mmCIF file of all heavy atoms, coordinates in Angstrom:
data_MODEL
# 
_entry.id   MODEL 
# 
loop_
_atom_site.group_PDB 
_atom_site.id 
_atom_site.type_symbol 
_atom_site.label_atom_id 
_atom_site.label_alt_id 
_atom_site.label_comp_id 
_atom_site.label_asym_id 
_atom_site.label_entity_id 
_atom_site.label_seq_id 
_atom_site.pdbx_PDB_ins_code 
_atom_site.Cartn_x 
_atom_site.Cartn_y 
_atom_site.Cartn_z 
_atom_site.occupancy 
_atom_site.B_iso_or_equiv 
_atom_site.pdbx_formal_charge 
_atom_site.auth_seq_id 
_atom_site.auth_comp_id 
_atom_site.auth_asym_id 
_atom_site.auth_atom_id 
_atom_site.pdbx_PDB_model_num 
ATOM 1   N N   . LEU A 1 1  ? 0.865  -1.175  0.000  1.00 0.00 ? 1  LEU A N   1 
ATOM 2   C CA  . LEU A 1 1  ? 0.000  0.000   0.000  1.00 0.00 ? 1  LEU A CA  1 
ATOM 3   C C   . LEU A 1 1  ? 0.903  1.227   0.000  1.00 0.00 ? 1  LEU A C   1 
ATOM 4   O O   . LEU A 1 1  ? 1.535  1.533   0.999  1.00 0.00 ? 1  LEU A O   1 
ATOM 5   C CB  . LEU A 1 1  ? -0.913 0.004   1.237  1.00 0.00 ? 1  LEU A CB  1 
ATOM 6   C CG  . LEU A 1 1  ? -1.777 -1.244  1.453  1.00 0.00 ? 1  LEU A CG  1 
ATOM 7   C CD1 . LEU A 1 1  ? -2.624 -1.093  2.699  1.00 0.00 ? 1  LEU A CD1 1 
ATOM 8   C CD2 . LEU A 1 1  ? -2.658 -1.500  0.245  1.00 0.00 ? 1  LEU A CD2 1 
ATOM 9   N N   . GLY A 1 2  ? 0.987  1.894   -1.146 1.00 0.00 ? 2  GLY A N   1 
ATOM 10  C CA  . GLY A 1 2  ? 1.921  2.996   -1.273 1.00 0.00 ? 2  GLY A CA  1 
ATOM 11  C C   . GLY A 1 2  ? 3.360  2.517   -1.301 1.00 0.00 ? 2  GLY A C   1 
ATOM 12  O O   . GLY A 1 2  ? 4.279  3.289   -1.050 1.00 0.00 ? 2  GLY A O   1 
ATOM 13  N N   . ASN A 1 3  ? 3.573  1.243   -1.603 1.00 0.00 ? 3  ASN A N   1 
ATOM 14  C CA  . ASN A 1 3  ? 4.903  0.646   -1.613 1.00 0.00 ? 3  ASN A CA  1 
ATOM 15  C C   . ASN A 1 3  ? 5.005  -0.243  -2.842 1.00 0.00 ? 3  ASN A C   1 
ATOM 16  O O   . ASN A 1 3  ? 4.307  -1.247  -2.945 1.00 0.00 ? 3  ASN A O   1 
ATOM 17  C CB  . ASN A 1 3  ? 5.112  -0.166  -0.325 1.00 0.00 ? 3  ASN A CB  1 
ATOM 18  C CG  . ASN A 1 3  ? 6.523  -0.712  -0.204 1.00 0.00 ? 3  ASN A CG  1 
ATOM 19  O OD1 . ASN A 1 3  ? 7.129  -1.130  -1.180 1.00 0.00 ? 3  ASN A OD1 1 
ATOM 20  N ND2 . ASN A 1 3  ? 7.036  -0.715  1.009  1.00 0.00 ? 3  ASN A ND2 1 
ATOM 21  N N   . THR A 1 4  ? 5.861  0.125   -3.786 1.00 0.00 ? 4  THR A N   1 
ATOM 22  C CA  . THR A 1 4  ? 5.951  -0.608  -5.047 1.00 0.00 ? 4  THR A CA  1 
ATOM 23  C C   . THR A 1 4  ? 6.959  -1.743  -5.013 1.00 0.00 ? 4  THR A C   1 
ATOM 24  O O   . THR A 1 4  ? 7.181  -2.395  -6.027 1.00 0.00 ? 4  THR A O   1 
ATOM 25  C CB  . THR A 1 4  ? 6.321  0.361   -6.187 1.00 0.00 ? 4  THR A CB  1 
ATOM 26  O OG1 . THR A 1 4  ? 7.559  1.013   -5.864 1.00 0.00 ? 4  THR A OG1 1 
ATOM 27  C CG2 . THR A 1 4  ? 5.235  1.401   -6.392 1.00 0.00 ? 4  THR A CG2 1 
ATOM 28  N N   . ALA A 1 5  ? 7.576  -1.991  -3.871 1.00 0.00 ? 5  ALA A N   1 
ATOM 29  C CA  . ALA A 1 5  ? 8.513  -3.106  -3.738 1.00 0.00 ? 5  ALA A CA  1 
ATOM 30  C C   . ALA A 1 5  ? 8.328  -3.770  -2.379 1.00 0.00 ? 5  ALA A C   1 
ATOM 31  O O   . ALA A 1 5  ? 9.218  -3.735  -1.535 1.00 0.00 ? 5  ALA A O   1 
ATOM 32  C CB  . ALA A 1 5  ? 9.949  -2.631  -3.917 1.00 0.00 ? 5  ALA A CB  1 
ATOM 33  N N   . PRO A 1 6  ? 7.145  -4.359  -2.112 1.00 0.00 ? 6  PRO A N   1 
ATOM 34  C CA  . PRO A 1 6  ? 6.886  -4.938  -0.791 1.00 0.00 ? 6  PRO A CA  1 
ATOM 35  C C   . PRO A 1 6  ? 7.824  -6.103  -0.494 1.00 0.00 ? 6  PRO A C   1 
ATOM 36  O O   . PRO A 1 6  ? 8.000  -6.995  -1.313 1.00 0.00 ? 6  PRO A O   1 
ATOM 37  C CB  . PRO A 1 6  ? 5.426  -5.405  -0.890 1.00 0.00 ? 6  PRO A CB  1 
ATOM 38  C CG  . PRO A 1 6  ? 5.192  -5.607  -2.356 1.00 0.00 ? 6  PRO A CG  1 
ATOM 39  C CD  . PRO A 1 6  ? 6.018  -4.565  -3.040 1.00 0.00 ? 6  PRO A CD  1 
ATOM 40  N N   . ALA A 1 7  ? 8.429  -6.094  0.697  1.00 0.00 ? 7  ALA A N   1 
ATOM 41  C CA  . ALA A 1 7  ? 9.326  -7.161  1.118  1.00 0.00 ? 7  ALA A CA  1 
ATOM 42  C C   . ALA A 1 7  ? 8.661  -8.059  2.146  1.00 0.00 ? 7  ALA A C   1 
ATOM 43  O O   . ALA A 1 7  ? 9.327  -8.868  2.789  1.00 0.00 ? 7  ALA A O   1 
ATOM 44  C CB  . ALA A 1 7  ? 10.611 -6.568  1.694  1.00 0.00 ? 7  ALA A CB  1 
ATOM 45  N N   . ALA A 1 8  ? 7.351  -7.901  2.338  1.00 0.00 ? 8  ALA A N   1 
ATOM 46  C CA  . ALA A 1 8  ? 6.589  -8.712  3.277  1.00 0.00 ? 8  ALA A CA  1 
ATOM 47  C C   . ALA A 1 8  ? 5.202  -8.925  2.703  1.00 0.00 ? 8  ALA A C   1 
ATOM 48  O O   . ALA A 1 8  ? 4.850  -8.341  1.675  1.00 0.00 ? 8  ALA A O   1 
ATOM 49  C CB  . ALA A 1 8  ? 6.516  -8.023  4.643  1.00 0.00 ? 8  ALA A CB  1 
ATOM 50  N N   . ARG A 1 9  ? 4.419  -9.780  3.360  1.00 0.00 ? 9  ARG A N   1 
ATOM 51  C CA  . ARG A 1 9  ? 3.072  -10.051 2.849  1.00 0.00 ? 9  ARG A CA  1 
ATOM 52  C C   . ARG A 1 9  ? 2.250  -8.782  2.729  1.00 0.00 ? 9  ARG A C   1 
ATOM 53  O O   . ARG A 1 9  ? 1.437  -8.641  1.825  1.00 0.00 ? 9  ARG A O   1 
ATOM 54  C CB  . ARG A 1 9  ? 2.366  -11.048 3.769  1.00 0.00 ? 9  ARG A CB  1 
ATOM 55  C CG  . ARG A 1 9  ? 2.916  -12.454 3.675  1.00 0.00 ? 9  ARG A CG  1 
ATOM 56  C CD  . ARG A 1 9  ? 2.746  -13.029 2.289  1.00 0.00 ? 9  ARG A CD  1 
ATOM 57  N NE  . ARG A 1 9  ? 3.290  -14.377 2.176  1.00 0.00 ? 9  ARG A NE  1 
ATOM 58  C CZ  . ARG A 1 9  ? 3.379  -15.047 1.046  1.00 0.00 ? 9  ARG A CZ  1 
ATOM 59  N NH1 . ARG A 1 9  ? 2.979  -14.489 -0.085 1.00 0.00 ? 9  ARG A NH1 1 
ATOM 60  N NH2 . ARG A 1 9  ? 3.884  -16.261 1.016  1.00 0.00 ? 9  ARG A NH2 1 
ATOM 61  N N   . LEU A 1 10 ? 2.450  -7.847  3.653  1.00 0.00 ? 10 LEU A N   1 
ATOM 62  C CA  . LEU A 1 10 ? 1.786  -6.547  3.574  1.00 0.00 ? 10 LEU A CA  1 
ATOM 63  C C   . LEU A 1 10 ? 2.790  -5.479  3.966  1.00 0.00 ? 10 LEU A C   1 
ATOM 64  O O   . LEU A 1 10 ? 3.291  -5.473  5.093  1.00 0.00 ? 10 LEU A O   1 
ATOM 65  C CB  . LEU A 1 10 ? 0.569  -6.484  4.510  1.00 0.00 ? 10 LEU A CB  1 
ATOM 66  C CG  . LEU A 1 10 ? -0.145 -5.129  4.586  1.00 0.00 ? 10 LEU A CG  1 
ATOM 67  C CD1 . LEU A 1 10 ? -0.691 -4.728  3.212  1.00 0.00 ? 10 LEU A CD1 1 
ATOM 68  C CD2 . LEU A 1 10 ? -1.263 -5.163  5.606  1.00 0.00 ? 10 LEU A CD2 1 
ATOM 69  N N   . ALA A 1 11 ? 3.110  -4.598  3.047  1.00 0.00 ? 11 ALA A N   1 
ATOM 70  C CA  . ALA A 1 11 ? 4.048  -3.502  3.302  1.00 0.00 ? 11 ALA A CA  1 
ATOM 71  C C   . ALA A 1 11 ? 3.320  -2.189  3.077  1.00 0.00 ? 11 ALA A C   1 
ATOM 72  O O   . ALA A 1 11 ? 2.728  -1.981  2.025  1.00 0.00 ? 11 ALA A O   1 
ATOM 73  C CB  . ALA A 1 11 ? 5.266  -3.605  2.384  1.00 0.00 ? 11 ALA A CB  1 
ATOM 74  N N   . ILE A 1 12 ? 3.340  -1.325  4.077  1.00 0.00 ? 12 ILE A N   1 
ATOM 75  C CA  . ILE A 1 12 ? 2.620  -0.064  4.009  1.00 0.00 ? 12 ILE A CA  1 
ATOM 76  C C   . ILE A 1 12 ? 3.622  1.079   4.033  1.00 0.00 ? 12 ILE A C   1 
ATOM 77  O O   . ILE A 1 12 ? 4.516  1.117   4.873  1.00 0.00 ? 12 ILE A O   1 
ATOM 78  C CB  . ILE A 1 12 ? 1.633  0.079   5.176  1.00 0.00 ? 12 ILE A CB  1 
ATOM 79  C CG1 . ILE A 1 12 ? 0.654  -1.100  5.182  1.00 0.00 ? 12 ILE A CG1 1 
ATOM 80  C CG2 . ILE A 1 12 ? 0.880  1.398   5.104  1.00 0.00 ? 12 ILE A CG2 1 
ATOM 81  C CD1 . ILE A 1 12 ? -0.302 -1.105  6.353  1.00 0.00 ? 12 ILE A CD1 1 
ATOM 82  N N   . GLY A 1 13 ? 3.460  2.011   3.121  1.00 0.00 ? 13 GLY A N   1 
ATOM 83  C CA  . GLY A 1 13 ? 4.342  3.165   3.078  1.00 0.00 ? 13 GLY A CA  1 
ATOM 84  C C   . GLY A 1 13 ? 5.448  2.990   2.059  1.00 0.00 ? 13 GLY A C   1 
ATOM 85  O O   . GLY A 1 13 ? 5.665  1.909   1.519  1.00 0.00 ? 13 GLY A O   1 
ATOM 86  N N   . PRO A 1 14 ? 6.155  4.054   1.764  1.00 0.00 ? 14 PRO A N   1 
ATOM 87  C CA  . PRO A 1 14 ? 7.194  4.025   0.738  1.00 0.00 ? 14 PRO A CA  1 
ATOM 88  C C   . PRO A 1 14 ? 8.349  3.117   1.113  1.00 0.00 ? 14 PRO A C   1 
ATOM 89  O O   . PRO A 1 14 ? 8.585  2.826   2.280  1.00 0.00 ? 14 PRO A O   1 
ATOM 90  C CB  . PRO A 1 14 ? 7.638  5.489   0.642  1.00 0.00 ? 14 PRO A CB  1 
ATOM 91  C CG  . PRO A 1 14 ? 7.267  6.074   1.956  1.00 0.00 ? 14 PRO A CG  1 
ATOM 92  C CD  . PRO A 1 14 ? 6.011  5.383   2.371  1.00 0.00 ? 14 PRO A CD  1 
ATOM 93  N N   . VAL A 1 15 ? 9.079  2.668   0.087  1.00 0.00 ? 15 VAL A N   1 
ATOM 94  C CA  . VAL A 1 15 ? 10.224 1.788   0.307  1.00 0.00 ? 15 VAL A CA  1 
ATOM 95  C C   . VAL A 1 15 ? 11.307 2.508   1.092  1.00 0.00 ? 15 VAL A C   1 
ATOM 96  O O   . VAL A 1 15 ? 11.898 1.989   2.015  1.00 0.00 ? 15 VAL A O   1 
ATOM 97  C CB  . VAL A 1 15 ? 10.774 1.296   -1.041 1.00 0.00 ? 15 VAL A CB  1 
ATOM 98  C CG1 . VAL A 1 15 ? 12.005 0.426   -0.820 1.00 0.00 ? 15 VAL A CG1 1 
ATOM 99  C CG2 . VAL A 1 15 ? 9.706  0.534   -1.800 1.00 0.00 ? 15 VAL A CG2 1 
ATOM 100 N N   . SER A 1 16 ? 11.593 3.738   0.718  1.00 0.00 ? 16 SER A N   1 
ATOM 101 C CA  . SER A 1 16 ? 12.633 4.511   1.385  1.00 0.00 ? 16 SER A CA  1 
ATOM 102 C C   . SER A 1 16 ? 12.085 5.881   1.717  1.00 0.00 ? 16 SER A C   1 
ATOM 103 O O   . SER A 1 16 ? 11.523 6.559   0.873  1.00 0.00 ? 16 SER A O   1 
ATOM 104 C CB  . SER A 1 16 ? 13.865 4.658   0.487  1.00 0.00 ? 16 SER A CB  1 
ATOM 105 O OG  . SER A 1 16 ? 14.842 5.465   1.097  1.00 0.00 ? 16 SER A OG  1 
ATOM 106 N N   . LEU A 1 17 ? 12.230 6.289   2.975  1.00 0.00 ? 17 LEU A N   1 
ATOM 107 C CA  . LEU A 1 17 ? 11.653 7.555   3.408  1.00 0.00 ? 17 LEU A CA  1 
ATOM 108 C C   . LEU A 1 17 ? 12.701 8.559   3.849  1.00 0.00 ? 17 LEU A C   1 
ATOM 109 O O   . LEU A 1 17 ? 12.507 9.755   3.748  1.00 0.00 ? 17 LEU A O   1 
ATOM 110 C CB  . LEU A 1 17 ? 10.660 7.304   4.545  1.00 0.00 ? 17 LEU A CB  1 
ATOM 111 C CG  . LEU A 1 17 ? 9.781  8.485   4.955  1.00 0.00 ? 17 LEU A CG  1 
ATOM 112 C CD1 . LEU A 1 17 ? 8.907  8.926   3.801  1.00 0.00 ? 17 LEU A CD1 1 
ATOM 113 C CD2 . LEU A 1 17 ? 8.909  8.097   6.125  1.00 0.00 ? 17 LEU A CD2 1 
ATOM 114 N N   . GLY A 1 18 ? 13.840 8.078   4.336  1.00 0.00 ? 18 GLY A N   1 
ATOM 115 C CA  . GLY A 1 18 ? 14.871 9.006   4.788  1.00 0.00 ? 18 GLY A CA  1 
ATOM 116 C C   . GLY A 1 18 ? 14.478 9.730   6.060  1.00 0.00 ? 18 GLY A C   1 
ATOM 117 O O   . GLY A 1 18 ? 14.568 10.950  6.137  1.00 0.00 ? 18 GLY A O   1 
ATOM 118 N N   . VAL A 1 19 ? 14.020 8.989   7.064  1.00 0.00 ? 19 VAL A N   1 
ATOM 119 C CA  . VAL A 1 19 ? 13.618 9.607   8.325  1.00 0.00 ? 19 VAL A CA  1 
ATOM 120 C C   . VAL A 1 19 ? 14.862 9.866   9.166  1.00 0.00 ? 19 VAL A C   1 
ATOM 121 O O   . VAL A 1 19 ? 15.335 9.003   9.880  1.00 0.00 ? 19 VAL A O   1 
ATOM 122 C CB  . VAL A 1 19 ? 12.600 8.723   9.077  1.00 0.00 ? 19 VAL A CB  1 
ATOM 123 C CG1 . VAL A 1 19 ? 11.251 8.810   8.449  1.00 0.00 ? 19 VAL A CG1 1 
ATOM 124 C CG2 . VAL A 1 19 ? 13.048 7.268   9.104  1.00 0.00 ? 19 VAL A CG2 1 
ATOM 125 N N   . THR A 1 20 ? 15.415 11.028  9.048  1.00 0.00 ? 20 THR A N   1 
ATOM 126 C CA  . THR A 1 20 ? 16.681 11.347  9.712  1.00 0.00 ? 20 THR A CA  1 
ATOM 127 C C   . THR A 1 20 ? 16.555 12.450  10.737 1.00 0.00 ? 20 THR A C   1 
ATOM 128 O O   . THR A 1 20 ? 17.465 12.647  11.544 1.00 0.00 ? 20 THR A O   1 
ATOM 129 C CB  . THR A 1 20 ? 17.728 11.761  8.668  1.00 0.00 ? 20 THR A CB  1 
ATOM 130 O OG1 . THR A 1 20 ? 17.218 12.877  7.912  1.00 0.00 ? 20 THR A OG1 1 
ATOM 131 C CG2 . THR A 1 20 ? 18.027 10.603  7.720  1.00 0.00 ? 20 THR A CG2 1 
ATOM 132 N N   . THR A 1 21 ? 15.476 13.186  10.753 1.00 0.00 ? 21 THR A N   1 
ATOM 133 C CA  . THR A 1 21 ? 15.306 14.267  11.718 1.00 0.00 ? 21 THR A CA  1 
ATOM 134 C C   . THR A 1 21 ? 13.908 14.200  12.312 1.00 0.00 ? 21 THR A C   1 
ATOM 135 O O   . THR A 1 21 ? 12.984 13.707  11.668 1.00 0.00 ? 21 THR A O   1 
ATOM 136 C CB  . THR A 1 21 ? 15.506 15.655  11.060 1.00 0.00 ? 21 THR A CB  1 
ATOM 137 O OG1 . THR A 1 21 ? 14.553 15.804  9.993  1.00 0.00 ? 21 THR A OG1 1 
ATOM 138 C CG2 . THR A 1 21 ? 16.910 15.779  10.498 1.00 0.00 ? 21 THR A CG2 1 
ATOM 139 N N   . PRO A 1 22 ? 13.720 14.699  13.553 1.00 0.00 ? 22 PRO A N   1 
ATOM 140 C CA  . PRO A 1 22 ? 12.389 14.693  14.162 1.00 0.00 ? 22 PRO A CA  1 
ATOM 141 C C   . PRO A 1 22 ? 11.362 15.381  13.281 1.00 0.00 ? 22 PRO A C   1 
ATOM 142 O O   . PRO A 1 22 ? 11.619 16.432  12.701 1.00 0.00 ? 22 PRO A O   1 
ATOM 143 C CB  . PRO A 1 22 ? 12.608 15.449  15.475 1.00 0.00 ? 22 PRO A CB  1 
ATOM 144 C CG  . PRO A 1 22 ? 14.047 15.234  15.787 1.00 0.00 ? 22 PRO A CG  1 
ATOM 145 C CD  . PRO A 1 22 ? 14.752 15.221  14.459 1.00 0.00 ? 22 PRO A CD  1 
ATOM 146 N N   . GLY A 1 23 ? 10.202 14.754  13.149 1.00 0.00 ? 23 GLY A N   1 
ATOM 147 C CA  . GLY A 1 23 ? 9.143  15.311  12.317 1.00 0.00 ? 23 GLY A CA  1 
ATOM 148 C C   . GLY A 1 23 ? 9.038  14.634  10.978 1.00 0.00 ? 23 GLY A C   1 
ATOM 149 O O   . GLY A 1 23 ? 7.987  14.667  10.337 1.00 0.00 ? 23 GLY A O   1 
ATOM 150 N N   . ASP A 1 24 ? 10.134 14.003  10.506 1.00 0.00 ? 24 ASP A N   1 
ATOM 151 C CA  . ASP A 1 24 ? 10.062 13.259  9.256  1.00 0.00 ? 24 ASP A CA  1 
ATOM 152 C C   . ASP A 1 24 ? 9.213  12.020  9.452  1.00 0.00 ? 24 ASP A C   1 
ATOM 153 O O   . ASP A 1 24 ? 9.237  11.396  10.502 1.00 0.00 ? 24 ASP A O   1 
ATOM 154 C CB  . ASP A 1 24 ? 11.464 12.824  8.804  1.00 0.00 ? 24 ASP A CB  1 
ATOM 155 C CG  . ASP A 1 24 ? 12.298 13.991  8.308  1.00 0.00 ? 24 ASP A CG  1 
ATOM 156 O OD1 . ASP A 1 24 ? 11.711 15.064  8.107  1.00 0.00 ? 24 ASP A OD1 1 
ATOM 157 O OD2 . ASP A 1 24 ? 13.514 13.813  8.144  1.00 0.00 ? 24 ASP A OD2 1 
ATOM 158 N N   . GLY A 1 25 ? 8.485  11.616  8.422  1.00 0.00 ? 25 GLY A N   1 
ATOM 159 C CA  . GLY A 1 25 ? 7.759  10.364  8.519  1.00 0.00 ? 25 GLY A CA  1 
ATOM 160 C C   . GLY A 1 25 ? 6.384  10.439  7.904  1.00 0.00 ? 25 GLY A C   1 
ATOM 161 O O   . GLY A 1 25 ? 6.026  11.410  7.241  1.00 0.00 ? 25 GLY A O   1 
ATOM 162 N N   . TYR A 1 26 ? 5.635  9.378   8.097  1.00 0.00 ? 26 TYR A N   1 
ATOM 163 C CA  . TYR A 1 26 ? 4.263  9.324   7.620  1.00 0.00 ? 26 TYR A CA  1 
ATOM 164 C C   . TYR A 1 26 ? 3.446  8.522   8.608  1.00 0.00 ? 26 TYR A C   1 
ATOM 165 O O   . TYR A 1 26 ? 3.994  7.812   9.440  1.00 0.00 ? 26 TYR A O   1 
ATOM 166 C CB  . TYR A 1 26 ? 4.192  8.711   6.213  1.00 0.00 ? 26 TYR A CB  1 
ATOM 167 C CG  . TYR A 1 26 ? 4.683  7.279   6.148  1.00 0.00 ? 26 TYR A CG  1 
ATOM 168 C CD1 . TYR A 1 26 ? 3.802  6.221   6.273  1.00 0.00 ? 26 TYR A CD1 1 
ATOM 169 C CD2 . TYR A 1 26 ? 6.029  7.004   5.971  1.00 0.00 ? 26 TYR A CD2 1 
ATOM 170 C CE1 . TYR A 1 26 ? 4.240  4.921   6.226  1.00 0.00 ? 26 TYR A CE1 1 
ATOM 171 C CE2 . TYR A 1 26 ? 6.484  5.699   5.915  1.00 0.00 ? 26 TYR A CE2 1 
ATOM 172 C CZ  . TYR A 1 26 ? 5.586  4.664   6.033  1.00 0.00 ? 26 TYR A CZ  1 
ATOM 173 O OH  . TYR A 1 26 ? 6.031  3.368   5.985  1.00 0.00 ? 26 TYR A OH  1 
ATOM 174 N N   . THR A 1 27 ? 2.140  8.620   8.512  1.00 0.00 ? 27 THR A N   1 
ATOM 175 C CA  . THR A 1 27 ? 1.257  8.036   9.513  1.00 0.00 ? 27 THR A CA  1 
ATOM 176 C C   . THR A 1 27 ? 0.300  7.041   8.880  1.00 0.00 ? 27 THR A C   1 
ATOM 177 O O   . THR A 1 27 ? -0.242 7.280   7.808  1.00 0.00 ? 27 THR A O   1 
ATOM 178 C CB  . THR A 1 27 ? 0.452  9.143   10.216 1.00 0.00 ? 27 THR A CB  1 
ATOM 179 O OG1 . THR A 1 27 ? 1.357  10.019  10.875 1.00 0.00 ? 27 THR A OG1 1 
ATOM 180 C CG2 . THR A 1 27 ? -0.498 8.544   11.244 1.00 0.00 ? 27 THR A CG2 1 
ATOM 181 N N   . ILE A 1 28 ? 0.110  5.924   9.568  1.00 0.00 ? 28 ILE A N   1 
ATOM 182 C CA  . ILE A 1 28 ? -0.929 4.964   9.225  1.00 0.00 ? 28 ILE A CA  1 
ATOM 183 C C   . ILE A 1 28 ? -1.985 5.088   10.309 1.00 0.00 ? 28 ILE A C   1 
ATOM 184 O O   . ILE A 1 28 ? -1.730 4.757   11.469 1.00 0.00 ? 28 ILE A O   1 
ATOM 185 C CB  . ILE A 1 28 ? -0.373 3.532   9.181  1.00 0.00 ? 28 ILE A CB  1 
ATOM 186 C CG1 . ILE A 1 28 ? 0.802  3.449   8.202  1.00 0.00 ? 28 ILE A CG1 1 
ATOM 187 C CG2 . ILE A 1 28 ? -1.473 2.538   8.802  1.00 0.00 ? 28 ILE A CG2 1 
ATOM 188 C CD1 . ILE A 1 28 ? 1.626  2.198   8.372  1.00 0.00 ? 28 ILE A CD1 1 
# 
């Protein structure tokens, strides 16, 4: 879901996000 290269039965969110600083990320 929003992931074009799932590495598990269900992968949610982008493959690479680059969460390196507070505030970066996404929410399910």
